[in-house]
Amino acid sequence: MASSKRSLHPKAVILAGGMGTRLRPYTYFLPKPMLPLGDKPLLEHLIQWLKENGVNDFVFSVSYLYKMIESYFNQGTEWGVRISYVRSRKPLGISGQLLNARSLVKSTFYLLYGDSVFDFNLKEMLEQHLATKSALTMGVMKYSQKLPYGIIEKDSQGFVTAWSEKPEVGGFINVGCYVVEPKIFGYIPDGKMYGFDSVVRDMIKAGEKVSSFYIEGKEFLDIGDEKSYRRADELFLERMGKVL
């Protein structure tokens, strides 16, 4: 794989081309990144947070209802940033959307999904990425959930050996915020759907350094379906209440 030029001032590549099928009917007429959160679209919250963390150059990878995103943000002048666009005419998945941005990314970059909102120190994540000389650094958080059922353990003969009533299980989850080197493009096949998880596994198998950045004591807003959208709205209103 080709070597990367590491940067102290990365661009942000934002994947904003998904169809948001789990949020229909809201997304019949609005692309998911343009759904409102308070008085702004999700994507605008993301841009403002990134700018607060020193990001001034953006690449939006768009597809579904792309004109709504492009006409709202234009070149980013209103927000004091620079925005470029790459388009795809058909759904490409996360990896395909990213591959479209290859010609505009020549050094270390941030990679984010256009339907998430964060609140942590992104500069610290970049510093760790550069210090560890990683090819990719993934933001992770702790997550746990109490199961609604008891878990039964049994031996090879079928005898019950343990019973845990509604245990809590958990681990680290990927929050969809990355610092990445351009060498990742060499792991994405052109012209076909290929899961981003498969890309990362291929990088690990090839011996690339893939590290994690632990985000402690924070809650990120990931809008995947109607339930999570409502939860994001509740959290946003709670934050606004504290400010006001």
Protein backbone atom coordinates (compact mmCIF):
# COMPACT_ATOMS: atom_id res chain seq x y z
CA MET A 1 0.00 0.00 0.00
CA ALA A 2 1.13 3.55 -0.75
CA SER A 3 2.44 5.66 2.09
CA SER A 4 0.29 8.45 3.57
CA LYS A 5 1.02 12.07 4.26
CA ARG A 6 0.01 12.75 7.85
CA SER A 7 -1.68 16.07 8.56
CA LEU A 8 -2.17 18.22 11.65
CA HIS A 9 -5.13 19.91 9.97
CA PRO A 10 -7.25 17.13 8.46
CA LYS A 11 -10.19 17.51 6.16
CA ALA A 12 -13.46 15.92 7.23
CA VAL A 13 -15.13 13.48 4.86
CA ILE A 14 -18.80 13.22 5.72
CA LEU A 15 -20.85 10.37 4.26
CA ALA A 16 -24.28 11.81 3.54
CA GLY A 17 -25.61 9.63 0.72
CA GLY A 18 -27.76 7.07 2.54
CA MET A 19 -31.48 6.70 1.85
CA GLY A 20 -32.52 6.52 5.51
CA THR A 21 -35.03 3.75 4.87
CA ARG A 22 -35.59 3.06 8.59
CA LEU A 23 -36.74 6.65 9.07
CA ARG A 24 -39.46 6.65 6.45
CA PRO A 25 -41.79 8.48 5.92
CA TYR A 26 -39.60 11.37 7.19
CA THR A 27 -36.91 10.61 4.61
CA TYR A 28 -39.18 10.44 1.57
CA PHE A 29 -38.64 14.15 1.05
CA LEU A 30 -35.58 14.89 3.22
CA PRO A 31 -32.20 13.13 3.19
CA LYS A 32 -31.47 11.84 6.69
CA PRO A 33 -28.61 14.30 7.41
CA MET A 34 -31.09 17.15 6.82
CA LEU A 35 -33.62 16.00 9.41
CA PRO A 36 -34.10 18.75 12.00
CA LEU A 37 -32.59 18.60 15.45
CA GLY A 38 -33.84 21.69 17.23
CA ASP A 39 -33.53 24.63 14.86
CA LYS A 40 -30.87 23.09 12.59
CA PRO A 41 -30.39 20.01 10.42
CA LEU A 42 -28.31 17.19 11.88
CA LEU A 43 -25.55 17.89 9.40
CA GLU A 44 -25.27 21.52 10.44
CA HIS A 45 -24.74 20.50 14.08
CA LEU A 46 -21.98 18.17 12.89
CA ILE A 47 -20.29 20.91 10.85
CA GLN A 48 -20.35 23.34 13.76
CA TRP A 49 -18.84 20.78 16.13
CA LEU A 50 -16.08 19.95 13.66
CA LYS A 51 -15.31 23.61 13.11
CA GLU A 52 -15.02 24.08 16.91
CA ASN A 53 -12.43 21.30 16.75
CA GLY A 54 -10.36 23.05 14.09
CA VAL A 55 -11.81 21.60 10.88
CA ASN A 56 -12.26 24.04 8.00
CA ASP A 57 -12.23 21.78 4.91
CA PHE A 58 -15.03 19.34 4.18
CA VAL A 59 -15.87 16.75 1.56
CA PHE A 60 -19.51 15.66 1.43
CA SER A 61 -20.18 12.35 -0.29
CA VAL A 62 -23.81 12.65 -1.40
CA SER A 63 -26.35 10.70 -3.41
CA TYR A 64 -29.99 10.45 -2.33
CA LEU A 65 -31.75 13.87 -2.60
CA TYR A 66 -28.30 15.44 -2.86
CA LYS A 67 -29.61 18.75 -4.22
CA MET A 68 -31.19 19.55 -0.84
CA ILE A 69 -27.83 19.21 0.89
CA GLU A 70 -25.91 21.11 -1.76
CA SER A 71 -28.41 23.98 -2.02
CA TYR A 72 -28.50 24.41 1.78
CA PHE A 73 -24.76 24.39 2.44
CA ASN A 74 -23.43 25.51 -0.96
CA GLN A 75 -19.65 25.99 -0.61
CA GLY A 76 -19.82 26.50 3.16
CA THR A 77 -19.23 30.28 3.14
CA GLU A 78 -22.01 30.98 5.64
CA TRP A 79 -20.30 28.72 8.19
CA GLY A 80 -16.79 29.96 7.47
CA VAL A 81 -15.68 26.62 5.99
CA ARG A 82 -14.95 25.14 2.55
CA ILE A 83 -17.17 22.34 1.26
CA SER A 84 -16.57 20.15 -1.80
CA TYR A 85 -18.98 17.50 -3.05
CA VAL A 86 -18.70 14.09 -4.66
CA ARG A 87 -21.83 12.38 -5.97
CA SER A 88 -22.91 8.86 -6.75
CA ARG A 89 -25.93 7.94 -8.85
CA LYS A 90 -26.70 4.73 -6.99
CA PRO A 91 -26.38 3.44 -3.41
CA LEU A 92 -22.79 2.39 -2.74
CA GLY A 93 -22.75 1.69 0.99
CA ILE A 94 -20.29 3.30 3.38
CA SER A 95 -17.16 2.02 1.63
CA GLY A 96 -18.35 3.09 -1.82
CA GLN A 97 -19.30 6.56 -0.60
CA LEU A 98 -15.84 6.92 0.89
CA LEU A 99 -14.07 5.68 -2.24
CA ASN A 100 -15.78 8.44 -4.22
CA ALA A 101 -13.83 11.01 -2.18
CA ARG A 102 -10.44 9.49 -2.98
CA SER A 103 -9.33 12.20 -5.42
CA LEU A 104 -9.97 14.96 -2.84
CA VAL A 105 -8.13 13.38 0.09
CA LYS A 106 -4.34 13.23 0.03
CA SER A 107 -3.45 13.18 3.74
CA THR A 108 -4.84 12.30 7.17
CA PHE A 109 -8.60 12.91 7.31
CA TYR A 110 -11.58 12.58 9.61
CA LEU A 111 -14.37 10.25 8.52
CA LEU A 112 -17.88 10.67 9.91
CA TYR A 113 -21.46 9.72 9.10
CA GLY A 114 -23.81 12.59 8.35
CA ASP A 115 -26.49 11.42 10.76
CA SER A 116 -24.49 11.55 14.02
CA VAL A 117 -23.81 14.36 16.47
CA PHE A 118 -20.85 14.27 18.88
CA ASP A 119 -19.53 16.10 21.92
CA PHE A 120 -15.92 15.26 22.76
CA ASN A 121 -12.42 16.60 22.13
CA LEU A 122 -11.64 15.55 18.57
CA LYS A 123 -8.17 17.10 18.70
CA GLU A 124 -7.16 14.57 21.38
CA MET A 125 -8.26 11.78 19.06
CA LEU A 126 -6.07 13.20 16.28
CA GLU A 127 -3.09 13.53 18.63
CA GLN A 128 -3.40 9.87 19.66
CA HIS A 129 -3.74 8.79 16.02
CA LEU A 130 -0.57 10.61 15.02
CA ALA A 131 1.38 9.49 18.10
CA THR A 132 0.55 5.80 17.47
CA LYS A 133 1.16 6.13 13.71
CA SER A 134 -2.09 4.29 13.09
CA ALA A 135 -3.67 3.77 9.70
CA LEU A 136 -7.10 4.15 11.25
CA THR A 137 -8.30 5.25 14.69
CA MET A 138 -11.85 4.43 15.68
CA GLY A 139 -13.88 6.28 18.30
CA VAL A 140 -15.37 3.82 20.81
CA MET A 141 -17.62 4.05 23.84
CA LYS A 142 -18.79 1.62 26.50
CA TYR A 143 -22.29 0.27 26.02
CA SER A 144 -24.36 -2.11 28.10
CA GLN A 145 -27.90 -3.41 27.97
CA LYS A 146 -29.94 -5.58 30.29
CA LEU A 147 -31.32 -8.63 28.52
CA PRO A 148 -35.07 -9.24 28.89
CA TYR A 149 -34.54 -12.98 29.45
CA GLY A 150 -32.59 -15.26 31.73
CA ILE A 151 -29.50 -16.92 30.21
CA ILE A 152 -29.09 -20.64 30.79
CA GLU A 153 -25.74 -22.43 30.55
CA LYS A 154 -25.58 -26.17 29.96
CA ASP A 155 -22.94 -28.84 29.55
CA SER A 156 -22.41 -31.22 26.64
CA GLN A 157 -24.97 -33.64 28.06
CA GLY A 158 -27.66 -31.02 28.38
CA PHE A 159 -27.52 -30.59 32.16
CA VAL A 160 -28.06 -27.04 33.35
CA THR A 161 -24.94 -25.67 35.00
CA ALA A 162 -25.89 -22.03 35.58
CA TRP A 163 -28.77 -19.59 35.34
CA SER A 164 -28.22 -15.83 35.04
CA GLU A 165 -31.50 -13.98 35.35
CA LYS A 166 -31.71 -11.03 32.95
CA PRO A 167 -27.98 -10.29 32.95
CA GLU A 168 -26.44 -7.06 31.74
CA VAL A 169 -24.14 -7.49 28.78
CA GLY A 170 -21.92 -4.96 27.10
CA GLY A 171 -18.63 -3.96 25.58
CA PHE A 172 -17.12 -1.28 23.39
CA ILE A 173 -19.13 0.05 20.45
CA ASN A 174 -18.03 1.92 17.35
CA VAL A 175 -19.54 5.43 17.32
CA GLY A 176 -18.82 6.15 13.65
CA CYS A 177 -16.09 8.76 14.03
CA TYR A 178 -12.64 7.94 12.64
CA VAL A 179 -9.23 9.42 11.92
CA VAL A 180 -7.91 7.77 8.76
CA GLU A 181 -4.90 7.68 6.44
CA PRO A 182 -5.45 7.65 2.64
CA LYS A 183 -3.99 4.14 2.40
CA ILE A 184 -7.50 2.93 3.33
CA PHE A 185 -8.56 3.51 -0.30
CA GLY A 186 -6.36 0.60 -1.36
CA TYR A 187 -8.57 -1.74 0.67
CA ILE A 188 -11.89 -0.70 -0.89
CA PRO A 189 -12.92 -2.58 -4.05
CA ASP A 190 -14.25 -0.37 -6.82
CA GLY A 191 -17.79 -0.65 -8.15
CA LYS A 192 -19.36 -3.03 -5.66
CA MET A 193 -20.96 -3.03 -2.23
CA TYR A 194 -18.38 -3.86 0.43
CA GLY A 195 -19.00 -3.40 4.14
CA PHE A 196 -16.82 -0.94 6.02
CA ASP A 197 -16.36 -3.56 8.73
CA SER A 198 -14.85 -5.81 6.06
CA VAL A 199 -12.49 -3.03 5.00
CA VAL A 200 -11.25 -2.60 8.57
CA ARG A 201 -10.83 -6.36 9.05
CA ASP A 202 -8.83 -6.52 5.81
CA MET A 203 -6.58 -3.74 7.10
CA ILE A 204 -5.99 -5.60 10.37
CA LYS A 205 -5.20 -8.83 8.51
CA ALA A 206 -2.69 -6.93 6.36
CA GLY A 207 -0.89 -5.73 9.47
CA GLU A 208 -2.08 -2.12 9.45
CA LYS A 209 -2.31 -0.38 12.81
CA VAL A 210 -5.97 0.07 13.73
CA SER A 211 -6.37 1.74 17.12
CA SER A 212 -9.27 2.86 19.28
CA PHE A 213 -9.91 6.16 21.02
CA TYR A 214 -12.00 5.76 24.14
CA ILE A 215 -14.67 8.44 24.58
CA GLU A 216 -15.52 8.45 28.28
CA GLY A 217 -18.63 9.76 29.97
CA LYS A 218 -20.30 11.05 26.81
CA GLU A 219 -23.42 10.13 24.89
CA PHE A 220 -23.42 10.45 21.14
CA LEU A 221 -26.53 10.98 19.07
CA ASP A 222 -26.87 8.30 16.42
CA ILE A 223 -30.06 8.62 14.39
CA GLY A 224 -30.79 5.21 12.93
CA ASP A 225 -34.56 4.86 13.29
CA GLU A 226 -37.58 6.71 14.64
CA LYS A 227 -36.92 5.66 18.23
CA SER A 228 -33.32 6.91 18.19
CA TYR A 229 -34.41 10.11 16.42
CA ARG A 230 -36.90 10.83 19.20
CA ARG A 231 -34.21 10.07 21.79
CA ALA A 232 -31.81 12.46 20.06
CA ASP A 233 -34.45 15.17 20.15
CA GLU A 234 -35.03 14.59 23.88
CA LEU A 235 -31.29 14.78 24.63
CA PHE A 236 -30.94 17.92 22.56
CA LEU A 237 -33.80 19.61 24.41
CA GLU A 238 -32.22 18.60 27.72
CA ARG A 239 -28.94 20.23 26.66
CA MET A 240 -30.76 23.36 25.52
CA GLY A 241 -32.52 23.54 28.88
CA LYS A 242 -29.17 23.51 30.68
CA VAL A 243 -27.88 26.30 28.44
CA LEU A 244 -30.98 28.43 28.86
